[in-house]
Amino acid sequence: MTDPAKVRRHAERVRELVASVVRTQIKDPRLGMITITDARITADLREATVFYTVLGDAAAQAGTAAALESAKGLLRSTVGKALGLRHSPSLTFVHDDVSEHAKHIDELLASARDADAEVQRLAAGAHYAGDPQPYKLDDEDDDLDLGVDGADDEVVVGQDRR
């Protein structure tokens, strides 16, 4: 079994290497404004998944995906040589749609904020149903137990008082 720290280091190194090669060596015109966001590698160091984002529309994203697939061999050989492993990890490229997730989360937060404001608006004029004091207070019973002067009377059970 491989050390998890070693796997993380290799994944970070794969991310840096792929970003460097994409920036400097790949001259494909289909390659858009790409950012390599993350890389994950399996525990056996055989397969690596590289996450990327592309600035642009769906056509730019499709062109960048095609350019990365065509440059996969060059990227794999570069990563394999730099890592110095017995087997070069196979690379899989996955479009990371972080901006779409962030937009969805912002929409959810806005709807929750609106719902909270509506609840606050409805609760502003509301009052509780029933009596304001739901518990019965027996002040007379407490006075009877304490006696006339308010001191506790001593109660003796089972003894003869003579």
N, C-alpha and C. Protein backbone atom coordinates (compact mmCIF):
# COMPACT_ATOMS: atom_id res chain seq x y z
N MET A 1 0.84 -1.18 0.00
CA MET A 1 0.00 0.00 0.00
C MET A 1 0.89 1.24 0.00
N THR A 2 0.49 2.24 -0.74
CA THR A 2 1.26 3.46 -0.87
C THR A 2 0.88 4.43 0.24
N ASP A 3 1.85 5.20 0.66
CA ASP A 3 1.65 6.21 1.70
C ASP A 3 0.73 7.31 1.16
N PRO A 4 -0.32 7.70 1.90
CA PRO A 4 -1.22 8.75 1.42
C PRO A 4 -0.53 10.09 1.19
N ALA A 5 0.47 10.40 1.99
CA ALA A 5 1.20 11.66 1.78
C ALA A 5 1.96 11.62 0.45
N LYS A 6 2.51 10.46 0.12
CA LYS A 6 3.22 10.31 -1.14
C LYS A 6 2.26 10.44 -2.32
N VAL A 7 1.07 9.89 -2.17
CA VAL A 7 0.06 10.00 -3.22
C VAL A 7 -0.34 11.45 -3.42
N ARG A 8 -0.53 12.19 -2.33
CA ARG A 8 -0.87 13.62 -2.44
C ARG A 8 0.25 14.41 -3.13
N ARG A 9 1.50 14.11 -2.75
CA ARG A 9 2.63 14.81 -3.39
C ARG A 9 2.67 14.52 -4.88
N HIS A 10 2.47 13.27 -5.25
CA HIS A 10 2.47 12.92 -6.68
C HIS A 10 1.31 13.59 -7.41
N ALA A 11 0.15 13.66 -6.78
CA ALA A 11 -1.00 14.31 -7.41
C ALA A 11 -0.72 15.79 -7.63
N GLU A 12 -0.13 16.44 -6.63
CA GLU A 12 0.22 17.85 -6.78
C GLU A 12 1.26 18.05 -7.87
N ARG A 13 2.21 17.15 -7.94
CA ARG A 13 3.25 17.23 -8.98
C ARG A 13 2.65 17.02 -10.37
N VAL A 14 1.68 16.09 -10.48
CA VAL A 14 1.01 15.86 -11.76
C VAL A 14 0.28 17.13 -12.18
N ARG A 15 -0.40 17.79 -11.25
CA ARG A 15 -1.12 19.02 -11.57
C ARG A 15 -0.16 20.09 -12.08
N GLU A 16 0.97 20.26 -11.38
CA GLU A 16 1.95 21.27 -11.80
C GLU A 16 2.55 20.95 -13.16
N LEU A 17 2.88 19.67 -13.39
CA LEU A 17 3.49 19.29 -14.66
C LEU A 17 2.53 19.48 -15.83
N VAL A 18 1.29 19.06 -15.65
CA VAL A 18 0.31 19.21 -16.74
C VAL A 18 0.08 20.69 -17.03
N ALA A 19 -0.02 21.50 -16.01
CA ALA A 19 -0.22 22.94 -16.22
C ALA A 19 0.97 23.55 -16.95
N SER A 20 2.16 23.14 -16.58
CA SER A 20 3.35 23.68 -17.23
C SER A 20 3.43 23.26 -18.69
N VAL A 21 3.17 22.00 -18.98
CA VAL A 21 3.25 21.52 -20.37
C VAL A 21 2.15 22.15 -21.21
N VAL A 22 0.95 22.28 -20.66
CA VAL A 22 -0.13 22.92 -21.42
C VAL A 22 0.22 24.37 -21.74
N ARG A 23 0.85 25.04 -20.81
CA ARG A 23 1.19 26.44 -21.01
C ARG A 23 2.35 26.63 -21.99
N THR A 24 3.33 25.73 -21.96
CA THR A 24 4.56 25.97 -22.74
C THR A 24 4.70 25.13 -24.00
N GLN A 25 4.27 23.87 -23.99
CA GLN A 25 4.61 22.98 -25.10
C GLN A 25 3.46 22.69 -26.05
N ILE A 26 2.24 22.78 -25.62
CA ILE A 26 1.12 22.46 -26.50
C ILE A 26 0.72 23.72 -27.25
N LYS A 27 0.79 23.64 -28.57
CA LYS A 27 0.49 24.79 -29.43
C LYS A 27 -0.77 24.57 -30.25
N ASP A 28 -1.70 23.80 -29.74
CA ASP A 28 -2.94 23.50 -30.44
C ASP A 28 -3.83 24.74 -30.44
N PRO A 29 -4.34 25.17 -31.60
CA PRO A 29 -5.20 26.36 -31.63
C PRO A 29 -6.57 26.14 -30.97
N ARG A 30 -6.96 24.88 -30.80
CA ARG A 30 -8.24 24.59 -30.15
C ARG A 30 -8.18 24.81 -28.64
N LEU A 31 -6.98 24.88 -28.11
CA LEU A 31 -6.80 25.03 -26.66
C LEU A 31 -7.19 26.44 -26.25
N GLY A 32 -8.19 26.55 -25.38
CA GLY A 32 -8.68 27.85 -24.94
C GLY A 32 -7.97 28.32 -23.68
N MET A 33 -8.60 29.26 -23.01
CA MET A 33 -8.09 29.77 -21.74
C MET A 33 -8.35 28.72 -20.67
N ILE A 34 -7.35 27.89 -20.41
CA ILE A 34 -7.51 26.73 -19.55
C ILE A 34 -6.78 26.95 -18.23
N THR A 35 -7.37 26.41 -17.16
CA THR A 35 -6.75 26.41 -15.85
C THR A 35 -6.84 24.99 -15.31
N ILE A 36 -5.72 24.45 -14.91
CA ILE A 36 -5.70 23.12 -14.30
C ILE A 36 -5.98 23.34 -12.82
N THR A 37 -7.14 22.86 -12.35
CA THR A 37 -7.56 23.14 -10.99
C THR A 37 -7.11 22.09 -9.99
N ASP A 38 -7.10 20.82 -10.38
CA ASP A 38 -6.78 19.77 -9.41
C ASP A 38 -6.35 18.53 -10.16
N ALA A 39 -5.66 17.66 -9.45
CA ALA A 39 -5.29 16.34 -9.98
C ALA A 39 -5.40 15.35 -8.85
N ARG A 40 -5.93 14.20 -9.16
CA ARG A 40 -6.04 13.12 -8.18
C ARG A 40 -5.44 11.88 -8.80
N ILE A 41 -4.76 11.12 -7.98
CA ILE A 41 -4.10 9.92 -8.47
C ILE A 41 -4.50 8.76 -7.58
N THR A 42 -4.65 7.59 -8.16
CA THR A 42 -5.07 6.43 -7.38
C THR A 42 -3.94 5.99 -6.47
N ALA A 43 -4.28 5.15 -5.49
CA ALA A 43 -3.29 4.72 -4.49
C ALA A 43 -2.18 3.88 -5.11
N ASP A 44 -2.47 3.19 -6.22
CA ASP A 44 -1.43 2.39 -6.87
C ASP A 44 -0.62 3.20 -7.88
N LEU A 45 -0.91 4.49 -8.00
CA LEU A 45 -0.18 5.44 -8.86
C LEU A 45 -0.26 5.06 -10.34
N ARG A 46 -1.36 4.41 -10.74
CA ARG A 46 -1.51 3.98 -12.12
C ARG A 46 -2.42 4.89 -12.94
N GLU A 47 -3.36 5.55 -12.29
CA GLU A 47 -4.31 6.39 -13.01
C GLU A 47 -4.41 7.75 -12.33
N ALA A 48 -4.36 8.78 -13.15
CA ALA A 48 -4.47 10.15 -12.64
C ALA A 48 -5.64 10.84 -13.34
N THR A 49 -6.41 11.57 -12.55
CA THR A 49 -7.52 12.35 -13.09
C THR A 49 -7.15 13.81 -12.92
N VAL A 50 -7.18 14.54 -14.02
CA VAL A 50 -6.81 15.96 -14.03
C VAL A 50 -8.07 16.78 -14.28
N PHE A 51 -8.37 17.71 -13.37
CA PHE A 51 -9.53 18.56 -13.49
C PHE A 51 -9.11 19.91 -14.05
N TYR A 52 -9.91 20.45 -14.96
CA TYR A 52 -9.58 21.73 -15.59
C TYR A 52 -10.84 22.56 -15.79
N THR A 53 -10.66 23.86 -15.89
CA THR A 53 -11.74 24.77 -16.24
C THR A 53 -11.33 25.53 -17.49
N VAL A 54 -12.34 25.94 -18.24
CA VAL A 54 -12.09 26.68 -19.48
C VAL A 54 -12.95 27.93 -19.47
N LEU A 55 -12.34 29.05 -19.80
CA LEU A 55 -13.07 30.30 -19.91
C LEU A 55 -13.64 30.37 -21.31
N GLY A 56 -14.94 30.48 -21.41
CA GLY A 56 -15.56 30.58 -22.73
C GLY A 56 -16.85 29.80 -22.79
N ASP A 57 -17.38 29.71 -24.00
CA ASP A 57 -18.66 29.04 -24.20
C ASP A 57 -18.47 27.54 -24.39
N ALA A 58 -19.54 26.86 -24.79
CA ALA A 58 -19.50 25.40 -24.96
C ALA A 58 -18.57 25.00 -26.09
N ALA A 59 -18.47 25.81 -27.14
CA ALA A 59 -17.57 25.50 -28.25
C ALA A 59 -16.11 25.54 -27.79
N ALA A 60 -15.76 26.52 -26.96
CA ALA A 60 -14.39 26.61 -26.44
C ALA A 60 -14.10 25.44 -25.52
N GLN A 61 -15.08 25.02 -24.74
CA GLN A 61 -14.89 23.88 -23.85
C GLN A 61 -14.70 22.59 -24.65
N ALA A 62 -15.49 22.42 -25.70
CA ALA A 62 -15.36 21.21 -26.53
C ALA A 62 -14.02 21.21 -27.26
N GLY A 63 -13.58 22.35 -27.76
CA GLY A 63 -12.29 22.43 -28.44
C GLY A 63 -11.13 22.14 -27.50
N THR A 64 -11.21 22.65 -26.29
CA THR A 64 -10.15 22.39 -25.30
C THR A 64 -10.13 20.93 -24.91
N ALA A 65 -11.30 20.31 -24.76
CA ALA A 65 -11.35 18.88 -24.43
C ALA A 65 -10.72 18.05 -25.54
N ALA A 66 -10.98 18.41 -26.80
CA ALA A 66 -10.39 17.69 -27.93
C ALA A 66 -8.88 17.89 -27.98
N ALA A 67 -8.42 19.11 -27.69
CA ALA A 67 -6.98 19.38 -27.70
C ALA A 67 -6.27 18.61 -26.59
N LEU A 68 -6.87 18.52 -25.43
CA LEU A 68 -6.26 17.76 -24.33
C LEU A 68 -6.22 16.27 -24.65
N GLU A 69 -7.26 15.75 -25.28
CA GLU A 69 -7.27 14.33 -25.65
C GLU A 69 -6.19 14.04 -26.69
N SER A 70 -5.97 14.94 -27.62
CA SER A 70 -4.94 14.71 -28.64
C SER A 70 -3.53 14.85 -28.07
N ALA A 71 -3.36 15.63 -27.01
CA ALA A 71 -2.05 15.82 -26.40
C ALA A 71 -1.82 14.89 -25.21
N LYS A 72 -2.70 13.94 -25.00
CA LYS A 72 -2.62 13.06 -23.84
C LYS A 72 -1.32 12.25 -23.82
N GLY A 73 -0.84 11.80 -24.97
CA GLY A 73 0.39 11.01 -25.04
C GLY A 73 1.61 11.83 -24.60
N LEU A 74 1.72 13.05 -25.11
CA LEU A 74 2.82 13.93 -24.72
C LEU A 74 2.77 14.22 -23.22
N LEU A 75 1.59 14.50 -22.72
CA LEU A 75 1.44 14.81 -21.30
C LEU A 75 1.78 13.60 -20.43
N ARG A 76 1.35 12.41 -20.85
CA ARG A 76 1.63 11.22 -20.06
C ARG A 76 3.12 10.91 -20.03
N SER A 77 3.79 11.05 -21.16
CA SER A 77 5.23 10.78 -21.17
C SER A 77 6.00 11.79 -20.33
N THR A 78 5.61 13.04 -20.39
CA THR A 78 6.25 14.07 -19.58
C THR A 78 6.04 13.82 -18.09
N VAL A 79 4.82 13.48 -17.71
CA VAL A 79 4.52 13.19 -16.31
C VAL A 79 5.29 11.96 -15.85
N GLY A 80 5.33 10.92 -16.68
CA GLY A 80 6.02 9.68 -16.31
C GLY A 80 7.51 9.89 -16.10
N LYS A 81 8.14 10.66 -16.97
CA LYS A 81 9.58 10.94 -16.83
C LYS A 81 9.87 11.78 -15.59
N ALA A 82 9.02 12.75 -15.34
CA ALA A 82 9.26 13.66 -14.21
C ALA A 82 9.03 12.97 -12.87
N LEU A 83 8.05 12.08 -12.79
CA LEU A 83 7.77 11.41 -11.53
C LEU A 83 8.74 10.29 -11.23
N GLY A 84 9.33 9.72 -12.26
CA GLY A 84 10.30 8.66 -12.05
C GLY A 84 9.69 7.37 -11.54
N LEU A 85 8.47 7.10 -11.91
CA LEU A 85 7.79 5.88 -11.47
C LEU A 85 8.05 4.76 -12.48
N ARG A 86 7.82 3.54 -12.03
CA ARG A 86 7.99 2.40 -12.93
C ARG A 86 6.98 2.44 -14.07
N HIS A 87 5.74 2.81 -13.74
CA HIS A 87 4.68 2.91 -14.74
C HIS A 87 4.17 4.34 -14.77
N SER A 88 4.09 4.90 -15.96
CA SER A 88 3.52 6.25 -16.09
C SER A 88 2.02 6.17 -15.86
N PRO A 89 1.47 7.05 -15.06
CA PRO A 89 0.03 7.00 -14.83
C PRO A 89 -0.74 7.42 -16.07
N SER A 90 -1.83 6.73 -16.33
CA SER A 90 -2.69 7.13 -17.44
C SER A 90 -3.47 8.37 -17.00
N LEU A 91 -3.67 9.28 -17.93
CA LEU A 91 -4.31 10.56 -17.60
C LEU A 91 -5.75 10.59 -18.12
N THR A 92 -6.63 11.07 -17.30
CA THR A 92 -8.02 11.30 -17.66
C THR A 92 -8.33 12.76 -17.36
N PHE A 93 -8.89 13.45 -18.35
CA PHE A 93 -9.20 14.86 -18.17
C PHE A 93 -10.69 15.03 -17.94
N VAL A 94 -11.03 15.77 -16.89
CA VAL A 94 -12.42 16.00 -16.51
C VAL A 94 -12.66 17.50 -16.41
N HIS A 95 -13.70 17.97 -17.11
CA HIS A 95 -14.04 19.39 -17.03
C HIS A 95 -14.61 19.68 -15.65
N ASP A 96 -14.01 20.61 -14.97
CA ASP A 96 -14.41 20.99 -13.61
C ASP A 96 -15.31 22.20 -13.71
N ASP A 97 -16.61 22.01 -13.49
CA ASP A 97 -17.56 23.11 -13.64
C ASP A 97 -17.81 23.80 -12.30
N VAL A 98 -16.75 24.34 -11.74
CA VAL A 98 -16.82 25.02 -10.44
C VAL A 98 -17.71 26.25 -10.52
N SER A 99 -17.61 27.00 -11.58
CA SER A 99 -18.40 28.23 -11.69
C SER A 99 -19.89 27.92 -11.73
N GLU A 100 -20.28 26.82 -12.39
CA GLU A 100 -21.70 26.45 -12.42
C GLU A 100 -22.17 26.02 -11.04
N HIS A 101 -21.33 25.28 -10.31
CA HIS A 101 -21.68 24.88 -8.95
C HIS A 101 -21.78 26.11 -8.04
N ALA A 102 -20.85 27.04 -8.18
CA ALA A 102 -20.89 28.26 -7.36
C ALA A 102 -22.15 29.08 -7.67
N LYS A 103 -22.52 29.15 -8.93
CA LYS A 103 -23.73 29.88 -9.30
C LYS A 103 -24.97 29.20 -8.71
N HIS A 104 -25.01 27.88 -8.75
CA HIS A 104 -26.14 27.13 -8.18
C HIS A 104 -26.21 27.35 -6.66
N ILE A 105 -25.08 27.32 -5.99
CA ILE A 105 -25.05 27.54 -4.54
C ILE A 105 -25.50 28.96 -4.20
N ASP A 106 -25.07 29.94 -5.00
CA ASP A 106 -25.51 31.33 -4.78
C ASP A 106 -27.02 31.45 -4.95
N GLU A 107 -27.60 30.75 -5.94
CA GLU A 107 -29.04 30.78 -6.12
C GLU A 107 -29.76 30.15 -4.93
N LEU A 108 -29.24 29.04 -4.42
CA LEU A 108 -29.84 28.40 -3.26
C LEU A 108 -29.78 29.30 -2.03
N LEU A 109 -28.64 29.96 -1.83
CA LEU A 109 -28.51 30.88 -0.69
C LEU A 109 -29.48 32.06 -0.82
N ALA A 110 -29.64 32.56 -2.02
CA ALA A 110 -30.57 33.68 -2.23
C ALA A 110 -32.01 33.25 -1.95
N SER A 111 -32.39 32.06 -2.38
CA SER A 111 -33.75 31.60 -2.11
C SER A 111 -33.95 31.35 -0.62
N ALA A 112 -32.93 30.84 0.07
CA ALA A 112 -33.03 30.64 1.53
C ALA A 112 -33.14 31.99 2.24
N ARG A 113 -32.40 32.98 1.78
CA ARG A 113 -32.46 34.32 2.37
C ARG A 113 -33.86 34.92 2.18
N ASP A 114 -34.45 34.74 0.99
CA ASP A 114 -35.81 35.23 0.73
C ASP A 114 -36.83 34.53 1.62
N ALA A 115 -36.67 33.21 1.78
CA ALA A 115 -37.59 32.46 2.63
C ALA A 115 -37.48 32.90 4.08
N ASP A 116 -36.26 33.15 4.55
CA ASP A 116 -36.07 33.65 5.92
C ASP A 116 -36.70 35.02 6.11
N ALA A 117 -36.57 35.88 5.12
CA ALA A 117 -37.18 37.21 5.21
C ALA A 117 -38.70 37.09 5.25
N GLU A 118 -39.26 36.18 4.48
CA GLU A 118 -40.71 35.97 4.49
C GLU A 118 -41.18 35.45 5.85
N VAL A 119 -40.43 34.53 6.45
CA VAL A 119 -40.77 34.01 7.77
C VAL A 119 -40.70 35.13 8.81
N GLN A 120 -39.69 35.97 8.75
CA GLN A 120 -39.57 37.09 9.68
C GLN A 120 -40.73 38.07 9.51
N ARG A 121 -41.13 38.30 8.26
CA ARG A 121 -42.24 39.21 8.00
C ARG A 121 -43.54 38.64 8.59
N LEU A 122 -43.77 37.35 8.42
CA LEU A 122 -44.98 36.73 8.96
C LEU A 122 -44.95 36.66 10.49
N ALA A 123 -43.78 36.49 11.06
CA ALA A 123 -43.66 36.35 12.51
C ALA A 123 -43.73 37.70 13.22
N ALA A 124 -43.59 38.78 12.52
CA ALA A 124 -43.56 40.10 13.17
C ALA A 124 -44.87 40.42 13.88
N GLY A 125 -46.01 40.10 13.29
CA GLY A 125 -47.29 40.43 13.90
C GLY A 125 -47.95 39.24 14.57
N ALA A 126 -47.29 38.15 14.68
CA ALA A 126 -47.88 36.94 15.23
C ALA A 126 -47.84 36.94 16.74
N HIS A 127 -48.77 36.20 17.33
CA HIS A 127 -48.76 36.01 18.78
C HIS A 127 -49.09 34.54 19.06
N TYR A 128 -48.76 34.09 20.24
CA TYR A 128 -48.96 32.70 20.61
C TYR A 128 -50.44 32.40 20.78
N ALA A 129 -50.84 31.21 20.43
CA ALA A 129 -52.20 30.77 20.64
C ALA A 129 -52.36 30.34 22.10
N GLY A 130 -53.50 30.57 22.68
CA GLY A 130 -53.73 30.16 24.06
C GLY A 130 -53.38 31.26 25.03
N ASP A 131 -53.27 30.87 26.30
CA ASP A 131 -52.98 31.82 27.36
C ASP A 131 -51.53 32.27 27.30
N PRO A 132 -51.28 33.51 27.70
CA PRO A 132 -49.89 33.95 27.75
C PRO A 132 -49.09 33.20 28.81
N GLN A 133 -49.75 32.72 29.87
CA GLN A 133 -49.08 31.93 30.90
C GLN A 133 -49.77 30.56 30.92
N PRO A 134 -49.16 29.57 30.27
CA PRO A 134 -49.83 28.27 30.15
C PRO A 134 -49.81 27.44 31.44
N TYR A 135 -49.00 27.80 32.39
CA TYR A 135 -48.89 27.01 33.62
C TYR A 135 -49.74 27.65 34.72
N LYS A 136 -50.40 26.81 35.48
CA LYS A 136 -51.20 27.31 36.59
C LYS A 136 -50.28 27.57 37.76
N LEU A 137 -50.48 28.71 38.40
CA LEU A 137 -49.69 29.06 39.56
C LEU A 137 -50.57 28.90 40.79
N ASP A 138 -50.16 28.09 41.72
CA ASP A 138 -50.91 27.86 42.95
C ASP A 138 -50.20 28.56 44.09
N ASP A 139 -50.43 29.86 44.21
CA ASP A 139 -49.80 30.62 45.28
C ASP A 139 -50.44 30.31 46.63
N GLU A 140 -51.77 29.98 46.65
CA GLU A 140 -52.43 29.70 47.92
C GLU A 140 -51.89 28.42 48.55
N ASP A 141 -51.58 27.40 47.76
CA ASP A 141 -51.08 26.13 48.29
C ASP A 141 -49.72 26.32 48.95
N ASP A 142 -48.90 27.15 48.42
CA ASP A 142 -47.58 27.38 49.00
C ASP A 142 -47.68 28.07 50.35
N ASP A 143 -48.64 28.98 50.52
CA ASP A 143 -48.81 29.67 51.79
C ASP A 143 -49.31 28.73 52.88
N LEU A 144 -50.13 27.75 52.52
CA LEU A 144 -50.66 26.82 53.51
C LEU A 144 -49.57 25.91 54.07
N ASP A 145 -48.62 25.52 53.27
CA ASP A 145 -47.56 24.62 53.72
C ASP A 145 -46.59 25.32 54.65
N LEU A 146 -46.41 26.58 54.47
CA LEU A 146 -45.42 27.29 55.26
C LEU A 146 -45.94 27.72 56.63
N GLY A 147 -47.19 27.73 56.81
CA GLY A 147 -47.74 28.15 58.10
C GLY A 147 -47.99 29.64 58.10
N VAL A 148 -48.38 30.15 59.25
CA VAL A 148 -48.76 31.54 59.36
C VAL A 148 -47.55 32.45 59.31
N ASP A 149 -46.49 32.09 60.03
CA ASP A 149 -45.33 32.97 60.09
C ASP A 149 -44.36 32.76 58.93
N GLY A 150 -44.62 31.80 58.06
CA GLY A 150 -43.76 31.56 56.91
C GLY A 150 -42.64 30.59 57.18
N ALA A 151 -42.52 30.09 58.43
CA ALA A 151 -41.47 29.14 58.75
C ALA A 151 -42.00 27.73 58.54
N ASP A 152 -41.11 26.84 58.18
CA ASP A 152 -41.51 25.45 57.98
C ASP A 152 -41.85 24.82 59.31
N ASP A 153 -42.98 24.15 59.39
CA ASP A 153 -43.34 23.41 60.60
C ASP A 153 -42.69 22.05 60.55
N GLU A 154 -42.26 21.58 61.75
CA GLU A 154 -41.61 20.29 61.81
C GLU A 154 -42.69 19.21 61.87
N VAL A 155 -42.51 18.23 61.02
CA VAL A 155 -43.47 17.13 60.98
C VAL A 155 -42.73 15.88 61.40
N VAL A 156 -43.28 15.22 62.41
CA VAL A 156 -42.67 13.99 62.92
C VAL A 156 -43.66 12.87 62.61
N VAL A 157 -43.16 11.84 61.96
CA VAL A 157 -44.02 10.73 61.59
C VAL A 157 -43.60 9.50 62.39
N GLY A 158 -44.59 8.80 62.89
CA GLY A 158 -44.33 7.54 63.56
C GLY A 158 -43.83 7.69 64.99
N GLN A 159 -43.83 8.83 65.58
CA GLN A 159 -43.39 9.00 66.96
C GLN A 159 -44.53 9.60 67.79
N ASP A 160 -44.49 9.28 69.01
CA ASP A 160 -45.49 9.79 69.93
C ASP A 160 -44.98 11.11 70.49
N ARG A 161 -45.74 12.16 70.45
CA ARG A 161 -45.28 13.45 70.97
C ARG A 161 -45.90 13.64 72.34
N ARG A 162 -45.13 13.45 73.35
CA ARG A 162 -45.64 13.64 74.71
C ARG A 162 -44.85 14.62 75.45
